[in-house]
Amino acid sequence: MDSASQQQRIVVGISGSLNSLVALRRAGTEARLTERRLLAVMVWRPHVTDPPVGIGRSTLKGTRTAAMSLLKDILNDVFAASDDGVPIGGLVISGNAGRTLVQIANKETDLLVVGAGHHRRLRRRRSPVARYCLTHATCPVLAVPPPSLQLDLEALTRKKRLLHTMAHDLSRLSA
């Protein structure tokens, strides 16, 4: 690996969702193929978990520690079985996910990888994070589509809801 490729990074946003795990796997593949360093970033929002007034900051620190533990577990689960030789780093940071990822992937030579979102009701909806990154990033952005398993589960869920609604409507008509 030459020094120029070591300076180039692939930054990937991780949330723990199935789509972000697929994005992480894809980012790992890109890092291996291009001999870049991989930086997995988990953004957490402290205001969502701020401790009530009168409670110490240790609760907030515990939340950050939990996020760090989750990121470590995700990286181990995704990359422990492979011996790609890809240098992997992890970062847990508080803030707004889209804005934070764009600020971290701030070099033109960086590649930002995010989950693209999911299908819902016959139209594709991009996640707010992916939309923000695609709009504001100064580096290339790879928006990874959801895995087919997620799409299949969403289709089954829609069918189940439809059948449940139809059964409910029929029971009301027959009563």
N, C-alpha and C. Protein backbone atom coordinates (compact mmCIF):
# COMPACT_ATOMS: atom_id res chain seq x y z
N MET A 1 0.85 -1.18 0.00
CA MET A 1 0.00 0.00 0.00
C MET A 1 0.89 1.23 0.00
N ASP A 2 0.74 2.12 -0.98
CA ASP A 2 1.58 3.30 -1.02
C ASP A 2 1.03 4.40 -0.11
N SER A 3 1.85 5.44 0.13
CA SER A 3 1.46 6.48 1.08
C SER A 3 0.26 7.29 0.58
N ALA A 4 0.11 7.44 -0.73
CA ALA A 4 -1.03 8.19 -1.26
C ALA A 4 -2.34 7.48 -0.96
N SER A 5 -2.37 6.16 -1.14
CA SER A 5 -3.61 5.43 -0.87
C SER A 5 -3.89 5.35 0.62
N GLN A 6 -2.84 5.39 1.45
CA GLN A 6 -3.06 5.40 2.90
C GLN A 6 -3.73 6.69 3.35
N GLN A 7 -3.47 7.79 2.62
CA GLN A 7 -4.08 9.07 2.96
C GLN A 7 -5.55 9.12 2.55
N GLN A 8 -5.92 8.34 1.56
CA GLN A 8 -7.30 8.32 1.10
C GLN A 8 -8.14 7.48 2.03
N ARG A 9 -9.35 7.93 2.27
CA ARG A 9 -10.22 7.22 3.22
C ARG A 9 -11.57 6.90 2.60
N ILE A 10 -12.15 5.88 3.14
CA ILE A 10 -13.55 5.60 2.90
C ILE A 10 -14.24 5.76 4.24
N VAL A 11 -15.16 6.69 4.29
CA VAL A 11 -15.91 6.98 5.51
C VAL A 11 -17.29 6.37 5.34
N VAL A 12 -17.71 5.57 6.31
CA VAL A 12 -19.02 4.92 6.21
C VAL A 12 -19.82 5.21 7.48
N GLY A 13 -21.07 5.60 7.28
CA GLY A 13 -21.96 5.87 8.40
C GLY A 13 -22.62 4.59 8.87
N ILE A 14 -22.60 4.36 10.19
CA ILE A 14 -23.15 3.15 10.77
C ILE A 14 -24.22 3.52 11.79
N SER A 15 -25.37 2.86 11.70
CA SER A 15 -26.42 3.09 12.69
C SER A 15 -26.81 1.79 13.40
N GLY A 16 -26.43 0.68 12.82
CA GLY A 16 -26.84 -0.62 13.36
C GLY A 16 -28.00 -1.22 12.57
N SER A 17 -28.58 -0.44 11.65
CA SER A 17 -29.67 -0.96 10.83
C SER A 17 -29.12 -1.95 9.80
N LEU A 18 -30.00 -2.76 9.26
CA LEU A 18 -29.60 -3.73 8.25
C LEU A 18 -28.98 -3.01 7.05
N ASN A 19 -29.56 -1.90 6.64
CA ASN A 19 -29.04 -1.15 5.50
C ASN A 19 -27.65 -0.61 5.78
N SER A 20 -27.41 -0.16 7.02
CA SER A 20 -26.07 0.38 7.33
C SER A 20 -25.03 -0.74 7.39
N LEU A 21 -25.45 -1.94 7.77
CA LEU A 21 -24.52 -3.08 7.79
C LEU A 21 -24.13 -3.47 6.36
N VAL A 22 -25.09 -3.40 5.45
CA VAL A 22 -24.79 -3.68 4.03
C VAL A 22 -23.86 -2.59 3.50
N ALA A 23 -24.09 -1.33 3.89
CA ALA A 23 -23.21 -0.24 3.47
C ALA A 23 -21.80 -0.45 4.02
N LEU A 24 -21.70 -0.91 5.26
CA LEU A 24 -20.39 -1.18 5.87
C LEU A 24 -19.66 -2.28 5.11
N ARG A 25 -20.35 -3.34 4.77
CA ARG A 25 -19.74 -4.43 4.01
C ARG A 25 -19.25 -3.92 2.65
N ARG A 26 -20.08 -3.10 1.98
CA ARG A 26 -19.70 -2.54 0.68
C ARG A 26 -18.49 -1.61 0.82
N ALA A 27 -18.48 -0.81 1.90
CA ALA A 27 -17.34 0.09 2.14
C ALA A 27 -16.07 -0.72 2.37
N GLY A 28 -16.19 -1.85 3.06
CA GLY A 28 -15.03 -2.72 3.26
C GLY A 28 -14.51 -3.27 1.95
N THR A 29 -15.41 -3.65 1.07
CA THR A 29 -15.01 -4.15 -0.25
C THR A 29 -14.31 -3.05 -1.04
N GLU A 30 -14.88 -1.84 -1.02
CA GLU A 30 -14.25 -0.71 -1.72
C GLU A 30 -12.87 -0.41 -1.14
N ALA A 31 -12.74 -0.48 0.18
CA ALA A 31 -11.45 -0.21 0.83
C ALA A 31 -10.41 -1.24 0.40
N ARG A 32 -10.81 -2.50 0.35
CA ARG A 32 -9.89 -3.55 -0.06
C ARG A 32 -9.47 -3.38 -1.51
N LEU A 33 -10.42 -3.09 -2.39
CA LEU A 33 -10.13 -2.97 -3.81
C LEU A 33 -9.28 -1.74 -4.13
N THR A 34 -9.45 -0.67 -3.40
CA THR A 34 -8.74 0.58 -3.70
C THR A 34 -7.59 0.84 -2.72
N GLU A 35 -7.39 -0.10 -1.79
CA GLU A 35 -6.32 0.00 -0.78
C GLU A 35 -6.42 1.30 0.01
N ARG A 36 -7.62 1.61 0.42
CA ARG A 36 -7.84 2.80 1.25
C ARG A 36 -8.09 2.39 2.70
N ARG A 37 -7.96 3.34 3.56
CA ARG A 37 -8.27 3.17 4.98
C ARG A 37 -9.78 3.32 5.16
N LEU A 38 -10.38 2.48 6.00
CA LEU A 38 -11.82 2.51 6.25
C LEU A 38 -12.08 3.13 7.62
N LEU A 39 -12.95 4.11 7.66
CA LEU A 39 -13.34 4.75 8.92
C LEU A 39 -14.84 4.59 9.09
N ALA A 40 -15.24 3.77 10.05
CA ALA A 40 -16.66 3.57 10.36
C ALA A 40 -17.06 4.58 11.42
N VAL A 41 -18.12 5.35 11.12
CA VAL A 41 -18.55 6.42 12.01
C VAL A 41 -19.97 6.15 12.50
N MET A 42 -20.13 6.13 13.82
CA MET A 42 -21.45 6.02 14.42
C MET A 42 -21.75 7.36 15.08
N VAL A 43 -22.81 8.00 14.61
CA VAL A 43 -23.21 9.30 15.15
C VAL A 43 -24.37 9.07 16.10
N TRP A 44 -24.25 9.59 17.30
CA TRP A 44 -25.34 9.47 18.27
C TRP A 44 -25.79 10.85 18.68
N ARG A 45 -27.01 10.94 19.13
CA ARG A 45 -27.59 12.24 19.45
C ARG A 45 -27.79 12.35 20.96
N PRO A 46 -26.92 13.11 21.61
CA PRO A 46 -27.00 13.18 23.07
C PRO A 46 -28.27 13.83 23.59
N HIS A 47 -28.84 14.77 22.83
CA HIS A 47 -30.03 15.43 23.34
C HIS A 47 -31.22 14.48 23.46
N VAL A 48 -31.21 13.41 22.69
CA VAL A 48 -32.27 12.42 22.79
C VAL A 48 -32.15 11.66 24.10
N THR A 49 -30.94 11.50 24.59
CA THR A 49 -30.71 10.72 25.79
C THR A 49 -30.17 11.56 26.94
N ASP A 50 -30.31 12.89 26.85
CA ASP A 50 -29.82 13.74 27.94
C ASP A 50 -30.44 13.31 29.26
N PRO A 51 -29.62 13.25 30.30
CA PRO A 51 -30.17 12.88 31.61
C PRO A 51 -31.06 14.00 32.14
N PRO A 52 -32.08 13.66 32.93
CA PRO A 52 -32.93 14.68 33.52
C PRO A 52 -32.11 15.61 34.40
N VAL A 53 -32.65 16.80 34.64
CA VAL A 53 -31.98 17.78 35.48
C VAL A 53 -31.72 17.16 36.85
N GLY A 54 -30.52 17.38 37.36
CA GLY A 54 -30.17 16.85 38.68
C GLY A 54 -29.43 15.52 38.61
N ILE A 55 -29.44 14.89 37.44
CA ILE A 55 -28.71 13.63 37.29
C ILE A 55 -27.37 13.94 36.65
N GLY A 56 -26.34 13.30 37.13
CA GLY A 56 -24.98 13.57 36.65
C GLY A 56 -24.76 13.23 35.21
N ARG A 57 -23.67 13.70 34.65
CA ARG A 57 -23.30 13.45 33.27
C ARG A 57 -22.87 12.01 33.04
N SER A 58 -22.74 11.23 34.10
CA SER A 58 -22.30 9.84 33.93
C SER A 58 -23.31 9.05 33.10
N THR A 59 -24.59 9.41 33.17
CA THR A 59 -25.59 8.73 32.35
C THR A 59 -25.31 8.98 30.88
N LEU A 60 -24.99 10.22 30.54
CA LEU A 60 -24.66 10.57 29.16
C LEU A 60 -23.40 9.85 28.71
N LYS A 61 -22.40 9.78 29.60
CA LYS A 61 -21.17 9.07 29.28
C LYS A 61 -21.46 7.60 29.05
N GLY A 62 -22.39 7.05 29.85
CA GLY A 62 -22.76 5.65 29.65
C GLY A 62 -23.38 5.41 28.30
N THR A 63 -24.15 6.36 27.80
CA THR A 63 -24.76 6.24 26.48
C THR A 63 -23.68 6.25 25.41
N ARG A 64 -22.69 7.12 25.55
CA ARG A 64 -21.59 7.17 24.58
C ARG A 64 -20.80 5.86 24.64
N THR A 65 -20.59 5.36 25.84
CA THR A 65 -19.89 4.09 26.01
C THR A 65 -20.67 2.96 25.35
N ALA A 66 -22.00 2.99 25.48
CA ALA A 66 -22.82 1.96 24.84
C ALA A 66 -22.71 2.05 23.33
N ALA A 67 -22.67 3.27 22.78
CA ALA A 67 -22.52 3.45 21.33
C ALA A 67 -21.16 2.93 20.87
N MET A 68 -20.12 3.19 21.66
CA MET A 68 -18.78 2.69 21.32
C MET A 68 -18.75 1.17 21.33
N SER A 69 -19.41 0.58 22.31
CA SER A 69 -19.47 -0.87 22.41
C SER A 69 -20.23 -1.46 21.22
N LEU A 70 -21.33 -0.82 20.84
CA LEU A 70 -22.10 -1.28 19.70
C LEU A 70 -21.28 -1.22 18.41
N LEU A 71 -20.56 -0.11 18.21
CA LEU A 71 -19.73 0.01 17.01
C LEU A 71 -18.65 -1.07 16.99
N LYS A 72 -18.02 -1.30 18.12
CA LYS A 72 -16.99 -2.34 18.20
C LYS A 72 -17.58 -3.71 17.86
N ASP A 73 -18.76 -4.01 18.40
CA ASP A 73 -19.41 -5.29 18.11
C ASP A 73 -19.75 -5.43 16.63
N ILE A 74 -20.26 -4.34 16.03
CA ILE A 74 -20.61 -4.37 14.61
C ILE A 74 -19.38 -4.62 13.76
N LEU A 75 -18.29 -3.90 14.04
CA LEU A 75 -17.06 -4.08 13.26
C LEU A 75 -16.53 -5.50 13.42
N ASN A 76 -16.59 -6.05 14.64
CA ASN A 76 -16.14 -7.43 14.85
C ASN A 76 -17.02 -8.41 14.09
N ASP A 77 -18.34 -8.20 14.13
CA ASP A 77 -19.26 -9.12 13.45
C ASP A 77 -19.07 -9.10 11.94
N VAL A 78 -18.84 -7.92 11.38
CA VAL A 78 -18.74 -7.80 9.92
C VAL A 78 -17.36 -8.21 9.40
N PHE A 79 -16.29 -7.89 10.15
CA PHE A 79 -14.95 -8.08 9.61
C PHE A 79 -14.10 -9.14 10.32
N ALA A 80 -14.57 -9.72 11.42
CA ALA A 80 -13.74 -10.65 12.17
C ALA A 80 -13.38 -11.90 11.36
N ALA A 81 -14.29 -12.38 10.55
CA ALA A 81 -14.04 -13.61 9.80
C ALA A 81 -13.14 -13.40 8.60
N SER A 82 -13.01 -12.17 8.13
CA SER A 82 -12.18 -11.92 6.95
C SER A 82 -10.82 -11.38 7.37
N ASP A 83 -9.84 -11.71 6.57
CA ASP A 83 -8.49 -11.23 6.81
C ASP A 83 -8.07 -10.42 5.59
N ASP A 84 -8.77 -9.31 5.38
CA ASP A 84 -8.54 -8.50 4.18
C ASP A 84 -7.29 -7.63 4.28
N GLY A 85 -6.83 -7.38 5.48
CA GLY A 85 -5.70 -6.48 5.66
C GLY A 85 -6.09 -5.02 5.48
N VAL A 86 -7.39 -4.73 5.52
CA VAL A 86 -7.87 -3.36 5.38
C VAL A 86 -7.73 -2.66 6.72
N PRO A 87 -7.03 -1.52 6.76
CA PRO A 87 -6.96 -0.78 8.02
C PRO A 87 -8.33 -0.17 8.34
N ILE A 88 -8.87 -0.52 9.50
CA ILE A 88 -10.20 -0.09 9.90
C ILE A 88 -10.10 0.71 11.18
N GLY A 89 -10.77 1.85 11.17
CA GLY A 89 -10.88 2.67 12.37
C GLY A 89 -12.34 2.89 12.68
N GLY A 90 -12.62 3.19 13.93
CA GLY A 90 -13.99 3.47 14.33
C GLY A 90 -14.05 4.79 15.06
N LEU A 91 -15.15 5.49 14.89
CA LEU A 91 -15.34 6.78 15.54
C LEU A 91 -16.78 6.89 16.00
N VAL A 92 -16.97 7.22 17.26
CA VAL A 92 -18.29 7.50 17.80
C VAL A 92 -18.31 8.98 18.14
N ILE A 93 -19.28 9.69 17.59
CA ILE A 93 -19.32 11.13 17.77
C ILE A 93 -20.77 11.58 17.91
N SER A 94 -21.00 12.59 18.70
CA SER A 94 -22.36 13.08 18.87
C SER A 94 -22.65 14.17 17.84
N GLY A 95 -23.89 14.25 17.43
CA GLY A 95 -24.29 15.29 16.49
C GLY A 95 -25.38 14.82 15.56
N ASN A 96 -25.59 15.59 14.51
CA ASN A 96 -26.53 15.27 13.46
C ASN A 96 -25.81 14.36 12.47
N ALA A 97 -26.40 13.22 12.13
CA ALA A 97 -25.70 12.20 11.35
C ALA A 97 -25.23 12.72 9.99
N GLY A 98 -26.12 13.28 9.19
CA GLY A 98 -25.72 13.74 7.87
C GLY A 98 -24.65 14.82 7.91
N ARG A 99 -24.88 15.82 8.74
CA ARG A 99 -23.93 16.92 8.83
C ARG A 99 -22.57 16.42 9.33
N THR A 100 -22.58 15.55 10.33
CA THR A 100 -21.33 15.04 10.90
C THR A 100 -20.56 14.21 9.89
N LEU A 101 -21.24 13.34 9.15
CA LEU A 101 -20.56 12.52 8.15
C LEU A 101 -19.94 13.39 7.06
N VAL A 102 -20.65 14.42 6.63
CA VAL A 102 -20.12 15.33 5.60
C VAL A 102 -18.91 16.09 6.13
N GLN A 103 -18.94 16.48 7.40
CA GLN A 103 -17.80 17.19 7.98
C GLN A 103 -16.58 16.29 8.10
N ILE A 104 -16.79 15.01 8.39
CA ILE A 104 -15.67 14.08 8.54
C ILE A 104 -15.08 13.72 7.17
N ALA A 105 -15.95 13.44 6.20
CA ALA A 105 -15.49 13.11 4.83
C ALA A 105 -15.34 14.42 4.07
N ASN A 106 -14.33 15.19 4.44
CA ASN A 106 -14.20 16.56 3.93
C ASN A 106 -13.12 16.75 2.87
N LYS A 107 -12.48 15.67 2.47
CA LYS A 107 -11.44 15.77 1.44
C LYS A 107 -12.00 15.27 0.12
N GLU A 108 -11.55 15.87 -0.97
CA GLU A 108 -12.01 15.44 -2.29
C GLU A 108 -11.64 13.99 -2.58
N THR A 109 -10.59 13.50 -1.94
CA THR A 109 -10.14 12.12 -2.18
C THR A 109 -10.89 11.11 -1.32
N ASP A 110 -11.70 11.57 -0.37
CA ASP A 110 -12.50 10.67 0.46
C ASP A 110 -13.64 10.08 -0.37
N LEU A 111 -14.16 8.96 0.09
CA LEU A 111 -15.39 8.39 -0.44
C LEU A 111 -16.31 8.21 0.75
N LEU A 112 -17.51 8.74 0.68
CA LEU A 112 -18.49 8.61 1.76
C LEU A 112 -19.50 7.56 1.36
N VAL A 113 -19.70 6.56 2.21
CA VAL A 113 -20.63 5.47 1.92
C VAL A 113 -21.76 5.51 2.95
N VAL A 114 -23.00 5.53 2.45
CA VAL A 114 -24.17 5.55 3.33
C VAL A 114 -25.23 4.59 2.79
N GLY A 115 -26.10 4.16 3.66
CA GLY A 115 -27.26 3.37 3.24
C GLY A 115 -28.24 4.28 2.53
N ALA A 116 -28.81 3.82 1.42
CA ALA A 116 -29.65 4.68 0.58
C ALA A 116 -31.07 4.82 1.08
N GLY A 117 -31.50 4.00 1.97
CA GLY A 117 -32.89 4.08 2.42
C GLY A 117 -33.61 2.80 2.08
N HIS A 118 -34.91 2.89 1.93
CA HIS A 118 -35.71 1.69 1.71
C HIS A 118 -36.86 1.98 0.77
N HIS A 119 -37.48 0.90 0.31
CA HIS A 119 -38.67 1.01 -0.53
C HIS A 119 -39.88 1.07 0.38
N ARG A 120 -40.82 1.86 0.01
CA ARG A 120 -42.06 1.89 0.77
C ARG A 120 -43.17 2.34 -0.18
N ARG A 121 -44.23 1.59 -0.19
CA ARG A 121 -45.42 1.92 -0.97
C ARG A 121 -45.11 2.21 -2.44
N LEU A 122 -44.40 1.29 -3.04
CA LEU A 122 -44.11 1.32 -4.48
C LEU A 122 -43.25 2.48 -4.94
N ARG A 123 -42.68 3.22 -4.03
CA ARG A 123 -41.74 4.26 -4.46
C ARG A 123 -40.53 4.24 -3.54
N ARG A 124 -39.44 4.63 -4.08
CA ARG A 124 -38.19 4.61 -3.33
C ARG A 124 -38.08 5.88 -2.50
N ARG A 125 -37.76 5.70 -1.24
CA ARG A 125 -37.54 6.85 -0.37
C ARG A 125 -36.13 6.81 0.16
N ARG A 126 -35.38 7.84 -0.11
CA ARG A 126 -34.01 7.92 0.35
C ARG A 126 -34.02 8.39 1.79
N SER A 127 -33.13 7.86 2.60
CA SER A 127 -33.06 8.26 3.99
C SER A 127 -32.66 9.73 4.09
N PRO A 128 -33.07 10.43 5.15
CA PRO A 128 -32.68 11.83 5.31
C PRO A 128 -31.16 11.99 5.38
N VAL A 129 -30.48 11.04 5.99
CA VAL A 129 -29.02 11.11 6.09
C VAL A 129 -28.41 10.99 4.71
N ALA A 130 -28.84 10.01 3.93
CA ALA A 130 -28.31 9.84 2.57
C ALA A 130 -28.62 11.07 1.72
N ARG A 131 -29.83 11.58 1.83
CA ARG A 131 -30.21 12.78 1.06
C ARG A 131 -29.31 13.96 1.41
N TYR A 132 -29.06 14.16 2.71
CA TYR A 132 -28.19 15.26 3.14
C TYR A 132 -26.78 15.08 2.59
N CYS A 133 -26.25 13.86 2.73
CA CYS A 133 -24.88 13.59 2.27
C CYS A 133 -24.76 13.78 0.76
N LEU A 134 -25.72 13.30 0.00
CA LEU A 134 -25.68 13.45 -1.45
C LEU A 134 -25.76 14.92 -1.87
N THR A 135 -26.44 15.72 -1.09
CA THR A 135 -26.61 17.13 -1.42
C THR A 135 -25.43 18.00 -0.98
N HIS A 136 -24.81 17.67 0.16
CA HIS A 136 -23.83 18.57 0.76
C HIS A 136 -22.37 18.11 0.73
N ALA A 137 -22.12 16.86 0.42
CA ALA A 137 -20.74 16.36 0.48
C ALA A 137 -19.87 16.96 -0.61
N THR A 138 -18.60 17.18 -0.29
CA THR A 138 -17.64 17.68 -1.26
C THR A 138 -16.83 16.54 -1.89
N CYS A 139 -17.09 15.33 -1.44
CA CYS A 139 -16.42 14.15 -1.99
C CYS A 139 -17.47 13.25 -2.64
N PRO A 140 -17.05 12.24 -3.39
CA PRO A 140 -18.01 11.30 -3.95
C PRO A 140 -18.77 10.58 -2.83
N VAL A 141 -20.05 10.30 -3.09
CA VAL A 141 -20.90 9.59 -2.14
C VAL A 141 -21.44 8.35 -2.81
N LEU A 142 -21.31 7.22 -2.14
CA LEU A 142 -21.88 5.97 -2.62
C LEU A 142 -23.07 5.65 -1.73
N ALA A 143 -24.27 5.70 -2.31
CA ALA A 143 -25.50 5.38 -1.59
C ALA A 143 -25.85 3.93 -1.90
N VAL A 144 -25.70 3.07 -0.90
CA VAL A 144 -25.88 1.63 -1.08
C VAL A 144 -27.36 1.28 -0.93
N PRO A 145 -27.95 0.63 -1.93
CA PRO A 145 -29.36 0.27 -1.83
C PRO A 145 -29.60 -0.78 -0.76
N PRO A 146 -30.83 -0.87 -0.29
CA PRO A 146 -31.14 -1.86 0.74
C PRO A 146 -30.97 -3.28 0.21
N PRO A 147 -30.66 -4.22 1.10
CA PRO A 147 -30.51 -5.60 0.65
C PRO A 147 -31.85 -6.19 0.23
N SER A 148 -31.80 -7.19 -0.63
CA SER A 148 -33.04 -7.82 -1.11
C SER A 148 -33.83 -8.43 0.05
N LEU A 149 -33.15 -8.91 1.08
CA LEU A 149 -33.85 -9.47 2.23
C LEU A 149 -34.75 -8.41 2.88
N GLN A 150 -34.24 -7.19 3.02
CA GLN A 150 -35.03 -6.11 3.60
C GLN A 150 -36.24 -5.80 2.72
N LEU A 151 -36.02 -5.78 1.41
CA LEU A 151 -37.12 -5.50 0.49
C LEU A 151 -38.18 -6.59 0.55
N ASP A 152 -37.73 -7.86 0.65
CA ASP A 152 -38.67 -8.98 0.76
C ASP A 152 -39.48 -8.89 2.04
N LEU A 153 -38.81 -8.55 3.14
CA LEU A 153 -39.52 -8.42 4.42
C LEU A 153 -40.54 -7.28 4.37
N GLU A 154 -40.19 -6.18 3.75
CA GLU A 154 -41.13 -5.07 3.63
C GLU A 154 -42.33 -5.46 2.77
N ALA A 155 -42.09 -6.22 1.70
CA ALA A 155 -43.19 -6.67 0.83
C ALA A 155 -44.11 -7.61 1.60
N LEU A 156 -43.54 -8.53 2.37
CA LEU A 156 -44.36 -9.44 3.17
C LEU A 156 -45.16 -8.69 4.22
N THR A 157 -44.55 -7.69 4.83
CA THR A 157 -45.26 -6.90 5.83
C THR A 157 -46.42 -6.16 5.20
N ARG A 158 -46.21 -5.59 4.00
CA ARG A 158 -47.31 -4.90 3.31
C ARG A 158 -48.44 -5.86 2.98
N LYS A 159 -48.10 -7.08 2.50
CA LYS A 159 -49.12 -8.07 2.19
C LYS A 159 -49.88 -8.48 3.43
N LYS A 160 -49.16 -8.66 4.53
CA LYS A 160 -49.80 -9.06 5.78
C LYS A 160 -50.78 -7.99 6.25
N ARG A 161 -50.37 -6.72 6.16
CA ARG A 161 -51.26 -5.62 6.55
C ARG A 161 -52.49 -5.58 5.66
N LEU A 162 -52.30 -5.77 4.35
CA LEU A 162 -53.41 -5.75 3.42
C LEU A 162 -54.39 -6.88 3.72
N LEU A 163 -53.87 -8.08 3.95
CA LEU A 163 -54.74 -9.22 4.27
C LEU A 163 -55.47 -9.00 5.58
N HIS A 164 -54.79 -8.43 6.56
CA HIS A 164 -55.42 -8.15 7.85
C HIS A 164 -56.54 -7.13 7.69
N THR A 165 -56.30 -6.10 6.89
CA THR A 165 -57.32 -5.08 6.64
C THR A 165 -58.51 -5.67 5.90
N MET A 166 -58.25 -6.51 4.90
CA MET A 166 -59.33 -7.13 4.15
C MET A 166 -60.15 -8.06 5.04
N ALA A 167 -59.49 -8.83 5.89
CA ALA A 167 -60.20 -9.73 6.81
C ALA A 167 -61.06 -8.92 7.79
N HIS A 168 -60.52 -7.81 8.25
CA HIS A 168 -61.27 -6.97 9.17
C HIS A 168 -62.50 -6.37 8.49
N ASP A 169 -62.33 -5.92 7.26
CA ASP A 169 -63.44 -5.35 6.50
C ASP A 169 -64.51 -6.40 6.23
N LEU A 170 -64.10 -7.62 5.87
CA LEU A 170 -65.06 -8.71 5.63
C LEU A 170 -65.82 -9.07 6.89
N SER A 171 -65.14 -9.08 8.03
CA SER A 171 -65.81 -9.43 9.28
C SER A 171 -66.84 -8.36 9.65
N ARG A 172 -66.57 -7.12 9.34
CA ARG A 172 -67.53 -6.04 9.63
C ARG A 172 -68.74 -6.16 8.71
N LEU A 173 -68.52 -6.54 7.44
CA LEU A 173 -69.62 -6.68 6.50
C LEU A 173 -70.54 -7.85 6.84
N SER A 174 -69.95 -8.93 7.35
CA SER A 174 -70.75 -10.11 7.66
C SER A 174 -71.46 -9.99 9.00
N ALA A 175 -71.07 -9.03 9.81
CA ALA A 175 -71.69 -8.88 11.13
C ALA A 175 -72.98 -8.11 11.10
